[in-house]
Amino acid sequence: MRPCQPFFSQAEYVPEKEDLCKEYGGPVDACWSSSFHETLRCFLAFKKDEADKYENMANLKYIFSSKTFVNYLSSHDNERLLHDIGRKDSDAFIKMKTAIILLFTYVGIP
C-alpha cells in the first residue's frame, strides 16, 4: 500500500485488463480474475463443453496472468467450487486440494 492511500482497492465484474490497475496507470490496485475462477471450475467439475475454449490447464499461464489480478475459487456471488464439483467423496476433496494449491501458487493475488 502507498502511504497516501492506506487501503487496497479492487475492481470486481470488470474486463480483466492490466491497464485498469494503478501499476499500469489505472484507477484501482487490483482486478478480480473471473477467468481464473471459471477455467478452474470447468476443469475440476469436468464441464468439457465449457473447458474446450482453453484447451488444457497448461495453457492457463498464457491465457491470463498478472500480479495485479485477484484469483479466487468462490465468492458470495457464485456457487461454491465443492458444489460445482457435485460430489462429497474423497475425489472431490482431492480436487479441492488441487484447486487450493493452484490458487496459492498461480501468478496474482490469492
PDB file of N, CA and C in Angstrom:
ATOM      1  N   MET A   1       0.835  -1.190   0.000  1.00  0.00           N
ATOM      2  CA  MET A   1       0.000   0.000   0.000  1.00  0.00           C
ATOM      3  C   MET A   1       0.878   1.251   0.000  1.00  0.00           C
ATOM      4  N   ARG A   2       0.328   2.281  -0.520  1.00  0.00           N
ATOM      5  CA  ARG A   2       1.033   3.549  -0.569  1.00  0.00           C
ATOM      6  C   ARG A   2       0.697   4.377   0.678  1.00  0.00           C
ATOM      7  N   PRO A   3       1.644   5.181   1.182  1.00  0.00           N
ATOM      8  CA  PRO A   3       1.376   5.988   2.376  1.00  0.00           C
ATOM      9  C   PRO A   3       0.170   6.911   2.221  1.00  0.00           C
ATOM     10  N   CYS A   4      -0.045   7.440   1.025  1.00  0.00           N
ATOM     11  CA  CYS A   4      -1.158   8.370   0.827  1.00  0.00           C
ATOM     12  C   CYS A   4      -2.493   7.639   0.647  1.00  0.00           C
ATOM     13  N   GLN A   5      -2.456   6.329   0.551  1.00  0.00           N
ATOM     14  CA  GLN A   5      -3.690   5.546   0.391  1.00  0.00           C
ATOM     15  C   GLN A   5      -3.587   4.304   1.281  1.00  0.00           C
ATOM     16  N   PRO A   6      -4.101   4.354   2.487  1.00  0.00           N
ATOM     17  CA  PRO A   6      -3.941   3.244   3.430  1.00  0.00           C
ATOM     18  C   PRO A   6      -4.923   2.092   3.216  1.00  0.00           C
ATOM     19  N   PHE A   7      -5.428   1.936   2.012  1.00  0.00           N
ATOM     20  CA  PHE A   7      -6.346   0.835   1.723  1.00  0.00           C
ATOM     21  C   PHE A   7      -6.020   0.260   0.345  1.00  0.00           C
ATOM     22  N   PHE A   8      -6.574  -0.903   0.078  1.00  0.00           N
ATOM     23  CA  PHE A   8      -6.333  -1.637  -1.168  1.00  0.00           C
ATOM     24  C   PHE A   8      -7.634  -1.671  -1.957  1.00  0.00           C
ATOM     25  N   SER A   9      -7.666  -1.074  -3.135  1.00  0.00           N
ATOM     26  CA  SER A   9      -8.897  -1.039  -3.930  1.00  0.00           C
ATOM     27  C   SER A   9      -8.874  -2.126  -5.006  1.00  0.00           C
ATOM     28  N   GLN A  10     -10.044  -2.762  -5.200  1.00  0.00           N
ATOM     29  CA  GLN A  10     -10.169  -3.843  -6.176  1.00  0.00           C
ATOM     30  C   GLN A  10     -11.382  -3.599  -7.061  1.00  0.00           C
ATOM     31  N   ALA A  11     -11.257  -3.984  -8.315  1.00  0.00           N
ATOM     32  CA  ALA A  11     -12.389  -3.908  -9.239  1.00  0.00           C
ATOM     33  C   ALA A  11     -12.958  -5.309  -9.411  1.00  0.00           C
ATOM     34  N   GLU A  12     -14.274  -5.410  -9.347  1.00  0.00           N
ATOM     35  CA  GLU A  12     -14.958  -6.694  -9.495  1.00  0.00           C
ATOM     36  C   GLU A  12     -15.958  -6.562 -10.641  1.00  0.00           C
ATOM     37  N   TYR A  13     -16.108  -7.623 -11.422  1.00  0.00           N
ATOM     38  CA  TYR A  13     -17.025  -7.635 -12.573  1.00  0.00           C
ATOM     39  C   TYR A  13     -16.710  -6.544 -13.590  1.00  0.00           C
ATOM     40  N   VAL A  14     -15.440  -6.450 -13.924  1.00  0.00           N
ATOM     41  CA  VAL A  14     -14.982  -5.558 -14.985  1.00  0.00           C
ATOM     42  C   VAL A  14     -14.100  -6.379 -15.918  1.00  0.00           C
ATOM     43  N   PRO A  15     -13.854  -5.907 -17.115  1.00  0.00           N
ATOM     44  CA  PRO A  15     -12.944  -6.649 -18.005  1.00  0.00           C
ATOM     45  C   PRO A  15     -11.572  -6.797 -17.352  1.00  0.00           C
ATOM     46  N   GLU A  16     -10.982  -7.958 -17.482  1.00  0.00           N
ATOM     47  CA  GLU A  16      -9.673  -8.218 -16.869  1.00  0.00           C
ATOM     48  C   GLU A  16      -8.575  -7.640 -17.747  1.00  0.00           C
ATOM     49  N   LYS A  17      -8.233  -6.410 -17.462  1.00  0.00           N
ATOM     50  CA  LYS A  17      -7.190  -5.727 -18.221  1.00  0.00           C
ATOM     51  C   LYS A  17      -6.220  -5.098 -17.237  1.00  0.00           C
ATOM     52  N   GLU A  18      -4.931  -5.315 -17.478  1.00  0.00           N
ATOM     53  CA  GLU A  18      -3.927  -4.748 -16.588  1.00  0.00           C
ATOM     54  C   GLU A  18      -4.013  -3.229 -16.508  1.00  0.00           C
ATOM     55  N   ASP A  19      -4.427  -2.582 -17.596  1.00  0.00           N
ATOM     56  CA  ASP A  19      -4.449  -1.117 -17.589  1.00  0.00           C
ATOM     57  C   ASP A  19      -5.525  -0.532 -16.675  1.00  0.00           C
ATOM     58  N   LEU A  20      -6.337  -1.385 -16.052  1.00  0.00           N
ATOM     59  CA  LEU A  20      -7.279  -0.920 -15.026  1.00  0.00           C
ATOM     60  C   LEU A  20      -6.571  -0.704 -13.691  1.00  0.00           C
ATOM     61  N   CYS A  21      -5.391  -1.301 -13.537  1.00  0.00           N
ATOM     62  CA  CYS A  21      -4.677  -1.273 -12.261  1.00  0.00           C
ATOM     63  C   CYS A  21      -3.684  -0.115 -12.202  1.00  0.00           C
ATOM     64  N   LYS A  22      -3.517   0.432 -11.002  1.00  0.00           N
ATOM     65  CA  LYS A  22      -2.657   1.601 -10.799  1.00  0.00           C
ATOM     66  C   LYS A  22      -1.234   1.377 -11.283  1.00  0.00           C
ATOM     67  N   GLU A  23      -0.751   0.163 -11.142  1.00  0.00           N
ATOM     68  CA  GLU A  23       0.609  -0.145 -11.586  1.00  0.00           C
ATOM     69  C   GLU A  23       0.795   0.156 -13.076  1.00  0.00           C
ATOM     70  N   TYR A  24      -0.296   0.085 -13.820  1.00  0.00           N
ATOM     71  CA  TYR A  24      -0.259   0.338 -15.266  1.00  0.00           C
ATOM     72  C   TYR A  24      -1.030   1.609 -15.644  1.00  0.00           C
ATOM     73  N   GLY A  25      -1.249   2.489 -14.664  1.00  0.00           N
ATOM     74  CA  GLY A  25      -1.893   3.770 -14.926  1.00  0.00           C
ATOM     75  C   GLY A  25      -3.393   3.816 -14.705  1.00  0.00           C
ATOM     76  N   GLY A  26      -3.991   2.742 -14.208  1.00  0.00           N
ATOM     77  CA  GLY A  26      -5.433   2.689 -13.987  1.00  0.00           C
ATOM     78  C   GLY A  26      -5.854   3.195 -12.619  1.00  0.00           C
ATOM     79  N   PRO A  27      -7.148   3.135 -12.307  1.00  0.00           N
ATOM     80  CA  PRO A  27      -7.681   3.702 -11.070  1.00  0.00           C
ATOM     81  C   PRO A  27      -7.679   2.779  -9.840  1.00  0.00           C
ATOM     82  N   VAL A  28      -7.465   1.461 -10.000  1.00  0.00           N
ATOM     83  CA  VAL A  28      -7.562   0.538  -8.859  1.00  0.00           C
ATOM     84  C   VAL A  28      -6.257  -0.235  -8.664  1.00  0.00           C
ATOM     85  N   ASP A  29      -6.105  -0.826  -7.465  1.00  0.00           N
ATOM     86  CA  ASP A  29      -4.903  -1.605  -7.165  1.00  0.00           C
ATOM     87  C   ASP A  29      -4.927  -2.985  -7.815  1.00  0.00           C
ATOM     88  N   ALA A  30      -6.114  -3.585  -7.923  1.00  0.00           N
ATOM     89  CA  ALA A  30      -6.218  -4.945  -8.458  1.00  0.00           C
ATOM     90  C   ALA A  30      -7.574  -5.158  -9.122  1.00  0.00           C
ATOM     91  N   CYS A  31      -7.648  -6.208  -9.918  1.00  0.00           N
ATOM     92  CA  CYS A  31      -8.868  -6.561 -10.644  1.00  0.00           C
ATOM     93  C   CYS A  31      -9.147  -8.046 -10.421  1.00  0.00           C
ATOM     94  N   TRP A  32     -10.380  -8.395 -10.106  1.00  0.00           N
ATOM     95  CA  TRP A  32     -10.739  -9.799  -9.901  1.00  0.00           C
ATOM     96  C   TRP A  32     -10.629 -10.563 -11.214  1.00  0.00           C
ATOM     97  N   SER A  33     -10.140 -11.800 -11.129  1.00  0.00           N
ATOM     98  CA  SER A  33      -9.984 -12.641 -12.318  1.00  0.00           C
ATOM     99  C   SER A  33     -11.076 -13.702 -12.366  1.00  0.00           C
ATOM    100  N   SER A  34     -12.175 -13.368 -12.994  1.00  0.00           N
ATOM    101  CA  SER A  34     -13.240 -14.366 -13.152  1.00  0.00           C
ATOM    102  C   SER A  34     -12.811 -15.453 -14.128  1.00  0.00           C
ATOM    103  N   SER A  35     -11.873 -15.159 -15.012  1.00  0.00           N
ATOM    104  CA  SER A  35     -11.366 -16.172 -15.941  1.00  0.00           C
ATOM    105  C   SER A  35     -10.664 -17.296 -15.193  1.00  0.00           C
ATOM    106  N   PHE A  36      -9.870 -16.950 -14.172  1.00  0.00           N
ATOM    107  CA  PHE A  36      -9.209 -17.974 -13.361  1.00  0.00           C
ATOM    108  C   PHE A  36     -10.263 -18.861 -12.713  1.00  0.00           C
ATOM    109  N   HIS A  37     -11.254 -18.238 -12.101  1.00  0.00           N
ATOM    110  CA  HIS A  37     -12.318 -18.975 -11.421  1.00  0.00           C
ATOM    111  C   HIS A  37     -13.055 -19.896 -12.386  1.00  0.00           C
ATOM    112  N   GLU A  38     -13.495 -19.368 -13.509  1.00  0.00           N
ATOM    113  CA  GLU A  38     -14.292 -20.148 -14.457  1.00  0.00           C
ATOM    114  C   GLU A  38     -13.493 -21.285 -15.085  1.00  0.00           C
ATOM    115  N   THR A  39     -12.245 -21.028 -15.446  1.00  0.00           N
ATOM    116  CA  THR A  39     -11.423 -22.074 -16.064  1.00  0.00           C
ATOM    117  C   THR A  39     -11.171 -23.210 -15.090  1.00  0.00           C
ATOM    118  N   LEU A  40     -10.790 -22.876 -13.877  1.00  0.00           N
ATOM    119  CA  LEU A  40     -10.531 -23.907 -12.875  1.00  0.00           C
ATOM    120  C   LEU A  40     -11.802 -24.679 -12.552  1.00  0.00           C
ATOM    121  N   ARG A  41     -12.913 -23.986 -12.432  1.00  0.00           N
ATOM    122  CA  ARG A  41     -14.195 -24.642 -12.155  1.00  0.00           C
ATOM    123  C   ARG A  41     -14.562 -25.613 -13.274  1.00  0.00           C
ATOM    124  N   CYS A  42     -14.403 -25.199 -14.505  1.00  0.00           N
ATOM    125  CA  CYS A  42     -14.739 -26.062 -15.649  1.00  0.00           C
ATOM    126  C   CYS A  42     -13.922 -27.347 -15.644  1.00  0.00           C
ATOM    127  N   PHE A  43     -12.629 -27.217 -15.396  1.00  0.00           N
ATOM    128  CA  PHE A  43     -11.784 -28.407 -15.421  1.00  0.00           C
ATOM    129  C   PHE A  43     -12.042 -29.329 -14.241  1.00  0.00           C
ATOM    130  N   LEU A  44     -12.182 -28.768 -13.061  1.00  0.00           N
ATOM    131  CA  LEU A  44     -12.378 -29.621 -11.888  1.00  0.00           C
ATOM    132  C   LEU A  44     -13.770 -30.231 -11.845  1.00  0.00           C
ATOM    133  N   ALA A  45     -14.738 -29.573 -12.438  1.00  0.00           N
ATOM    134  CA  ALA A  45     -16.102 -30.114 -12.478  1.00  0.00           C
ATOM    135  C   ALA A  45     -16.337 -30.925 -13.751  1.00  0.00           C
ATOM    136  N   PHE A  46     -15.308 -31.072 -14.575  1.00  0.00           N
ATOM    137  CA  PHE A  46     -15.386 -31.822 -15.834  1.00  0.00           C
ATOM    138  C   PHE A  46     -16.492 -31.302 -16.736  1.00  0.00           C
ATOM    139  N   LYS A  47     -16.579 -29.991 -16.856  1.00  0.00           N
ATOM    140  CA  LYS A  47     -17.559 -29.382 -17.757  1.00  0.00           C
ATOM    141  C   LYS A  47     -16.863 -29.177 -19.099  1.00  0.00           C
ATOM    142  N   LYS A  48     -16.736 -30.273 -19.818  1.00  0.00           N
ATOM    143  CA  LYS A  48     -15.973 -30.307 -21.060  1.00  0.00           C
ATOM    144  C   LYS A  48     -16.452 -29.272 -22.072  1.00  0.00           C
ATOM    145  N   ASP A  49     -17.748 -29.089 -22.181  1.00  0.00           N
ATOM    146  CA  ASP A  49     -18.276 -28.139 -23.164  1.00  0.00           C
ATOM    147  C   ASP A  49     -17.802 -26.711 -22.903  1.00  0.00           C
ATOM    148  N   GLU A  50     -17.600 -26.352 -21.642  1.00  0.00           N
ATOM    149  CA  GLU A  50     -17.129 -25.014 -21.310  1.00  0.00           C
ATOM    150  C   GLU A  50     -15.607 -24.936 -21.336  1.00  0.00           C
ATOM    151  N   ALA A  51     -14.934 -26.027 -21.004  1.00  0.00           N
ATOM    152  CA  ALA A  51     -13.483 -26.026 -20.866  1.00  0.00           C
ATOM    153  C   ALA A  51     -12.750 -26.084 -22.199  1.00  0.00           C
ATOM    154  N   ASP A  52     -13.401 -26.513 -23.246  1.00  0.00           N
ATOM    155  CA  ASP A  52     -12.741 -26.653 -24.546  1.00  0.00           C
ATOM    156  C   ASP A  52     -12.100 -25.366 -25.044  1.00  0.00           C
ATOM    157  N   LYS A  53     -12.658 -24.236 -24.690  1.00  0.00           N
ATOM    158  CA  LYS A  53     -12.117 -22.978 -25.210  1.00  0.00           C
ATOM    159  C   LYS A  53     -10.718 -22.684 -24.676  1.00  0.00           C
ATOM    160  N   TYR A  54     -10.333 -23.335 -23.594  1.00  0.00           N
ATOM    161  CA  TYR A  54      -8.999 -23.122 -23.041  1.00  0.00           C
ATOM    162  C   TYR A  54      -8.030 -24.253 -23.368  1.00  0.00           C
ATOM    163  N   GLU A  55      -8.482 -25.290 -24.039  1.00  0.00           N
ATOM    164  CA  GLU A  55      -7.716 -26.451 -24.471  1.00  0.00           C
ATOM    165  C   GLU A  55      -7.194 -27.298 -23.321  1.00  0.00           C
ATOM    166  N   ASN A  56      -6.337 -26.792 -22.471  1.00  0.00           N
ATOM    167  CA  ASN A  56      -5.882 -27.574 -21.320  1.00  0.00           C
ATOM    168  C   ASN A  56      -5.341 -26.653 -20.233  1.00  0.00           C
ATOM    169  N   MET A  57      -5.193 -27.212 -19.050  1.00  0.00           N
ATOM    170  CA  MET A  57      -4.774 -26.412 -17.902  1.00  0.00           C
ATOM    171  C   MET A  57      -3.379 -25.824 -18.078  1.00  0.00           C
ATOM    172  N   ALA A  58      -2.521 -26.475 -18.858  1.00  0.00           N
ATOM    173  CA  ALA A  58      -1.166 -25.962 -19.067  1.00  0.00           C
ATOM    174  C   ALA A  58      -1.190 -24.594 -19.744  1.00  0.00           C
ATOM    175  N   ASN A  59      -2.241 -24.306 -20.464  1.00  0.00           N
ATOM    176  CA  ASN A  59      -2.340 -23.026 -21.160  1.00  0.00           C
ATOM    177  C   ASN A  59      -2.793 -21.879 -20.262  1.00  0.00           C
ATOM    178  N   LEU A  60      -3.131 -22.163 -19.013  1.00  0.00           N
ATOM    179  CA  LEU A  60      -3.570 -21.097 -18.106  1.00  0.00           C
ATOM    180  C   LEU A  60      -2.581 -19.939 -18.056  1.00  0.00           C
ATOM    181  N   LYS A  61      -1.298 -20.267 -17.990  1.00  0.00           N
ATOM    182  CA  LYS A  61      -0.301 -19.205 -17.850  1.00  0.00           C
ATOM    183  C   LYS A  61      -0.223 -18.301 -19.069  1.00  0.00           C
ATOM    184  N   TYR A  62      -0.675 -18.781 -20.214  1.00  0.00           N
ATOM    185  CA  TYR A  62      -0.642 -17.964 -21.420  1.00  0.00           C
ATOM    186  C   TYR A  62      -1.940 -17.190 -21.633  1.00  0.00           C
ATOM    187  N   ILE A  63      -3.023 -17.658 -21.057  1.00  0.00           N
ATOM    188  CA  ILE A  63      -4.325 -17.039 -21.269  1.00  0.00           C
ATOM    189  C   ILE A  63      -4.458 -15.760 -20.451  1.00  0.00           C
ATOM    190  N   PHE A  64      -4.173 -15.854 -19.180  1.00  0.00           N
ATOM    191  CA  PHE A  64      -4.301 -14.687 -18.327  1.00  0.00           C
ATOM    192  C   PHE A  64      -3.408 -14.873 -17.118  1.00  0.00           C
ATOM    193  N   SER A  65      -2.540 -13.949 -16.879  1.00  0.00           N
ATOM    194  CA  SER A  65      -1.742 -13.960 -15.666  1.00  0.00           C
ATOM    195  C   SER A  65      -1.216 -12.550 -15.454  1.00  0.00           C
ATOM    196  N   SER A  66      -1.456 -12.067 -14.294  1.00  0.00           N
ATOM    197  CA  SER A  66      -0.968 -10.747 -13.928  1.00  0.00           C
ATOM    198  C   SER A  66      -0.857 -10.697 -12.418  1.00  0.00           C
ATOM    199  N   LYS A  67       0.188 -10.089 -11.943  1.00  0.00           N
ATOM    200  CA  LYS A  67       0.340  -9.980 -10.489  1.00  0.00           C
ATOM    201  C   LYS A  67      -0.681  -9.028  -9.889  1.00  0.00           C
ATOM    202  N   THR A  68      -1.414  -8.306 -10.726  1.00  0.00           N
ATOM    203  CA  THR A  68      -2.437  -7.387 -10.231  1.00  0.00           C
ATOM    204  C   THR A  68      -3.849  -7.970 -10.314  1.00  0.00           C
ATOM    205  N   PHE A  69      -3.982  -9.241 -10.666  1.00  0.00           N
ATOM    206  CA  PHE A  69      -5.295  -9.893 -10.710  1.00  0.00           C
ATOM    207  C   PHE A  69      -5.545 -10.657  -9.415  1.00  0.00           C
ATOM    208  N   VAL A  70      -6.764 -10.580  -8.909  1.00  0.00           N
ATOM    209  CA  VAL A  70      -7.169 -11.325  -7.717  1.00  0.00           C
ATOM    210  C   VAL A  70      -7.788 -12.638  -8.192  1.00  0.00           C
ATOM    211  N   ASN A  71      -7.128 -13.746  -7.879  1.00  0.00           N
ATOM    212  CA  ASN A  71      -7.634 -15.070  -8.249  1.00  0.00           C
ATOM    213  C   ASN A  71      -8.472 -15.612  -7.103  1.00  0.00           C
ATOM    214  N   TYR A  72      -9.579 -16.258  -7.428  1.00  0.00           N
ATOM    215  CA  TYR A  72     -10.453 -16.787  -6.379  1.00  0.00           C
ATOM    216  C   TYR A  72     -11.103 -18.087  -6.825  1.00  0.00           C
ATOM    217  N   LEU A  73     -11.485 -18.893  -5.842  1.00  0.00           N
ATOM    218  CA  LEU A  73     -12.178 -20.155  -6.109  1.00  0.00           C
ATOM    219  C   LEU A  73     -13.677 -19.998  -5.935  1.00  0.00           C
ATOM    220  N   SER A  74     -14.085 -19.208  -4.957  1.00  0.00           N
ATOM    221  CA  SER A  74     -15.510 -18.999  -4.664  1.00  0.00           C
ATOM    222  C   SER A  74     -15.706 -17.595  -4.120  1.00  0.00           C
ATOM    223  N   SER A  75     -16.920 -17.121  -4.236  1.00  0.00           N
ATOM    224  CA  SER A  75     -17.293 -15.850  -3.622  1.00  0.00           C
ATOM    225  C   SER A  75     -18.784 -15.905  -3.310  1.00  0.00           C
ATOM    226  N   HIS A  76     -19.278 -14.860  -2.678  1.00  0.00           N
ATOM    227  CA  HIS A  76     -20.706 -14.825  -2.349  1.00  0.00           C
ATOM    228  C   HIS A  76     -21.567 -14.659  -3.600  1.00  0.00           C
ATOM    229  N   ASP A  77     -20.948 -14.360  -4.729  1.00  0.00           N
ATOM    230  CA  ASP A  77     -21.697 -14.136  -5.969  1.00  0.00           C
ATOM    231  C   ASP A  77     -21.882 -15.380  -6.833  1.00  0.00           C
ATOM    232  N   ASN A  78     -21.265 -16.484  -6.454  1.00  0.00           N
ATOM    233  CA  ASN A  78     -21.391 -17.695  -7.275  1.00  0.00           C
ATOM    234  C   ASN A  78     -21.398 -18.947  -6.403  1.00  0.00           C
ATOM    235  N   GLU A  79     -21.690 -20.070  -7.038  1.00  0.00           N
ATOM    236  CA  GLU A  79     -21.720 -21.342  -6.310  1.00  0.00           C
ATOM    237  C   GLU A  79     -20.325 -21.690  -5.805  1.00  0.00           C
ATOM    238  N   ARG A  80     -20.279 -22.383  -4.697  1.00  0.00           N
ATOM    239  CA  ARG A  80     -19.003 -22.840  -4.163  1.00  0.00           C
ATOM    240  C   ARG A  80     -18.440 -23.925  -5.070  1.00  0.00           C
ATOM    241  N   LEU A  81     -17.115 -24.001  -5.128  1.00  0.00           N
ATOM    242  CA  LEU A  81     -16.459 -24.965  -6.005  1.00  0.00           C
ATOM    243  C   LEU A  81     -16.857 -26.394  -5.657  1.00  0.00           C
ATOM    244  N   LEU A  82     -16.972 -26.714  -4.386  1.00  0.00           N
ATOM    245  CA  LEU A  82     -17.367 -28.069  -3.990  1.00  0.00           C
ATOM    246  C   LEU A  82     -18.761 -28.391  -4.519  1.00  0.00           C
ATOM    247  N   HIS A  83     -19.643 -27.422  -4.549  1.00  0.00           N
ATOM    248  CA  HIS A  83     -20.977 -27.615  -5.124  1.00  0.00           C
ATOM    249  C   HIS A  83     -20.874 -27.868  -6.628  1.00  0.00           C
ATOM    250  N   ASP A  84     -20.024 -27.098  -7.314  1.00  0.00           N
ATOM    251  CA  ASP A  84     -19.840 -27.275  -8.758  1.00  0.00           C
ATOM    252  C   ASP A  84     -19.256 -28.639  -9.093  1.00  0.00           C
ATOM    253  N   ILE A  85     -18.355 -29.116  -8.251  1.00  0.00           N
ATOM    254  CA  ILE A  85     -17.781 -30.443  -8.474  1.00  0.00           C
ATOM    255  C   ILE A  85     -18.867 -31.497  -8.338  1.00  0.00           C
ATOM    256  N   GLY A  86     -19.815 -31.242  -7.436  1.00  0.00           N
ATOM    257  CA  GLY A  86     -21.003 -32.075  -7.342  1.00  0.00           C
ATOM    258  C   GLY A  86     -20.871 -33.356  -6.559  1.00  0.00           C
ATOM    259  N   ARG A  87     -19.790 -33.508  -5.858  1.00  0.00           N
ATOM    260  CA  ARG A  87     -19.626 -34.740  -5.088  1.00  0.00           C
ATOM    261  C   ARG A  87     -19.051 -34.400  -3.722  1.00  0.00           C
ATOM    262  N   LYS A  88     -19.240 -35.322  -2.822  1.00  0.00           N
ATOM    263  CA  LYS A  88     -18.708 -35.122  -1.472  1.00  0.00           C
ATOM    264  C   LYS A  88     -17.788 -36.281  -1.082  1.00  0.00           C
ATOM    265  N   ASP A  89     -17.267 -37.006  -2.070  1.00  0.00           N
ATOM    266  CA  ASP A  89     -16.400 -38.148  -1.782  1.00  0.00           C
ATOM    267  C   ASP A  89     -14.932 -37.708  -1.733  1.00  0.00           C
ATOM    268  N   SER A  90     -14.030 -38.669  -1.578  1.00  0.00           N
ATOM    269  CA  SER A  90     -12.613 -38.336  -1.448  1.00  0.00           C
ATOM    270  C   SER A  90     -12.056 -37.693  -2.720  1.00  0.00           C
ATOM    271  N   ASP A  91     -12.576 -38.059  -3.895  1.00  0.00           N
ATOM    272  CA  ASP A  91     -12.122 -37.424  -5.137  1.00  0.00           C
ATOM    273  C   ASP A  91     -12.430 -35.928  -5.140  1.00  0.00           C
ATOM    274  N   ALA A  92     -13.571 -35.556  -4.617  1.00  0.00           N
ATOM    275  CA  ALA A  92     -13.944 -34.144  -4.563  1.00  0.00           C
ATOM    276  C   ALA A  92     -12.972 -33.370  -3.676  1.00  0.00           C
ATOM    277  N   PHE A  93     -12.565 -33.958  -2.571  1.00  0.00           N
ATOM    278  CA  PHE A  93     -11.644 -33.263  -1.679  1.00  0.00           C
ATOM    279  C   PHE A  93     -10.239 -33.201  -2.268  1.00  0.00           C
ATOM    280  N   ILE A  94      -9.854 -34.195  -3.053  1.00  0.00           N
ATOM    281  CA  ILE A  94      -8.573 -34.137  -3.764  1.00  0.00           C
ATOM    282  C   ILE A  94      -8.605 -32.995  -4.775  1.00  0.00           C
ATOM    283  N   LYS A  95      -9.723 -32.843  -5.467  1.00  0.00           N
ATOM    284  CA  LYS A  95      -9.870 -31.738  -6.420  1.00  0.00           C
ATOM    285  C   LYS A  95      -9.815 -30.391  -5.701  1.00  0.00           C
ATOM    286  N   MET A  96     -10.426 -30.309  -4.534  1.00  0.00           N
ATOM    287  CA  MET A  96     -10.391 -29.059  -3.770  1.00  0.00           C
ATOM    288  C   MET A  96      -8.959 -28.729  -3.342  1.00  0.00           C
ATOM    289  N   LYS A  97      -8.223 -29.736  -2.901  1.00  0.00           N
ATOM    290  CA  LYS A  97      -6.825 -29.508  -2.516  1.00  0.00           C
ATOM    291  C   LYS A  97      -6.007 -29.044  -3.716  1.00  0.00           C
ATOM    292  N   THR A  98      -6.257 -29.644  -4.873  1.00  0.00           N
ATOM    293  CA  THR A  98      -5.574 -29.232  -6.101  1.00  0.00           C
ATOM    294  C   THR A  98      -5.893 -27.778  -6.421  1.00  0.00           C
ATOM    295  N   ALA A  99      -7.153 -27.406  -6.292  1.00  0.00           N
ATOM    296  CA  ALA A  99      -7.571 -26.028  -6.560  1.00  0.00           C
ATOM    297  C   ALA A  99      -6.878 -25.050  -5.612  1.00  0.00           C
ATOM    298  N   ILE A 100      -6.758 -25.415  -4.357  1.00  0.00           N
ATOM    299  CA  ILE A 100      -6.109 -24.542  -3.372  1.00  0.00           C
ATOM    300  C   ILE A 100      -4.626 -24.379  -3.693  1.00  0.00           C
ATOM    301  N   ILE A 101      -3.978 -25.470  -4.088  1.00  0.00           N
ATOM    302  CA  ILE A 101      -2.564 -25.387  -4.477  1.00  0.00           C
ATOM    303  C   ILE A 101      -2.403 -24.447  -5.668  1.00  0.00           C
ATOM    304  N   LEU A 102      -3.268 -24.599  -6.671  1.00  0.00           N
ATOM    305  CA  LEU A 102      -3.204 -23.712  -7.838  1.00  0.00           C
ATOM    306  C   LEU A 102      -3.465 -22.259  -7.448  1.00  0.00           C
ATOM    307  N   LEU A 103      -4.429 -22.039  -6.580  1.00  0.00           N
ATOM    308  CA  LEU A 103      -4.760 -20.681  -6.148  1.00  0.00           C
ATOM    309  C   LEU A 103      -3.555 -19.996  -5.500  1.00  0.00           C
ATOM    310  N   PHE A 104      -2.858 -20.715  -4.620  1.00  0.00           N
ATOM    311  CA  PHE A 104      -1.762 -20.097  -3.879  1.00  0.00           C
ATOM    312  C   PHE A 104      -0.430 -20.081  -4.621  1.00  0.00           C
ATOM    313  N   THR A 105      -0.326 -20.790  -5.728  1.00  0.00           N
ATOM    314  CA  THR A 105       0.933 -20.793  -6.469  1.00  0.00           C
ATOM    315  C   THR A 105       0.834 -20.076  -7.813  1.00  0.00           C
ATOM    316  N   TYR A 106      -0.363 -19.693  -8.232  1.00  0.00           N
ATOM    317  CA  TYR A 106      -0.556 -19.034  -9.516  1.00  0.00           C
ATOM    318  C   TYR A 106      -0.173 -17.560  -9.420  1.00  0.00           C
ATOM    319  N   VAL A 107       0.242 -16.987 -10.518  1.00  0.00           N
ATOM    320  CA  VAL A 107       0.589 -15.566 -10.562  1.00  0.00           C
ATOM    321  C   VAL A 107      -0.639 -14.740 -10.193  1.00  0.00           C
ATOM    322  N   GLY A 108      -0.468 -13.800  -9.293  1.00  0.00           N
ATOM    323  CA  GLY A 108      -1.578 -12.941  -8.901  1.00  0.00           C
ATOM    324  C   GLY A 108      -1.778 -12.935  -7.400  1.00  0.00           C
ATOM    325  N   ILE A 109      -2.914 -12.421  -6.985  1.00  0.00           N
ATOM    326  CA  ILE A 109      -3.258 -12.276  -5.573  1.00  0.00           C
ATOM    327  C   ILE A 109      -4.288 -13.341  -5.223  1.00  0.00           C
ATOM    328  N   PRO A 110      -3.966 -14.252  -4.286  1.00  0.00           N
ATOM    329  CA  PRO A 110      -4.962 -15.292  -3.933  1.00  0.00           C
ATOM    330  C   PRO A 110      -6.091 -14.728  -3.088  1.00  0.00           C
TER     331      PRO A 110
END
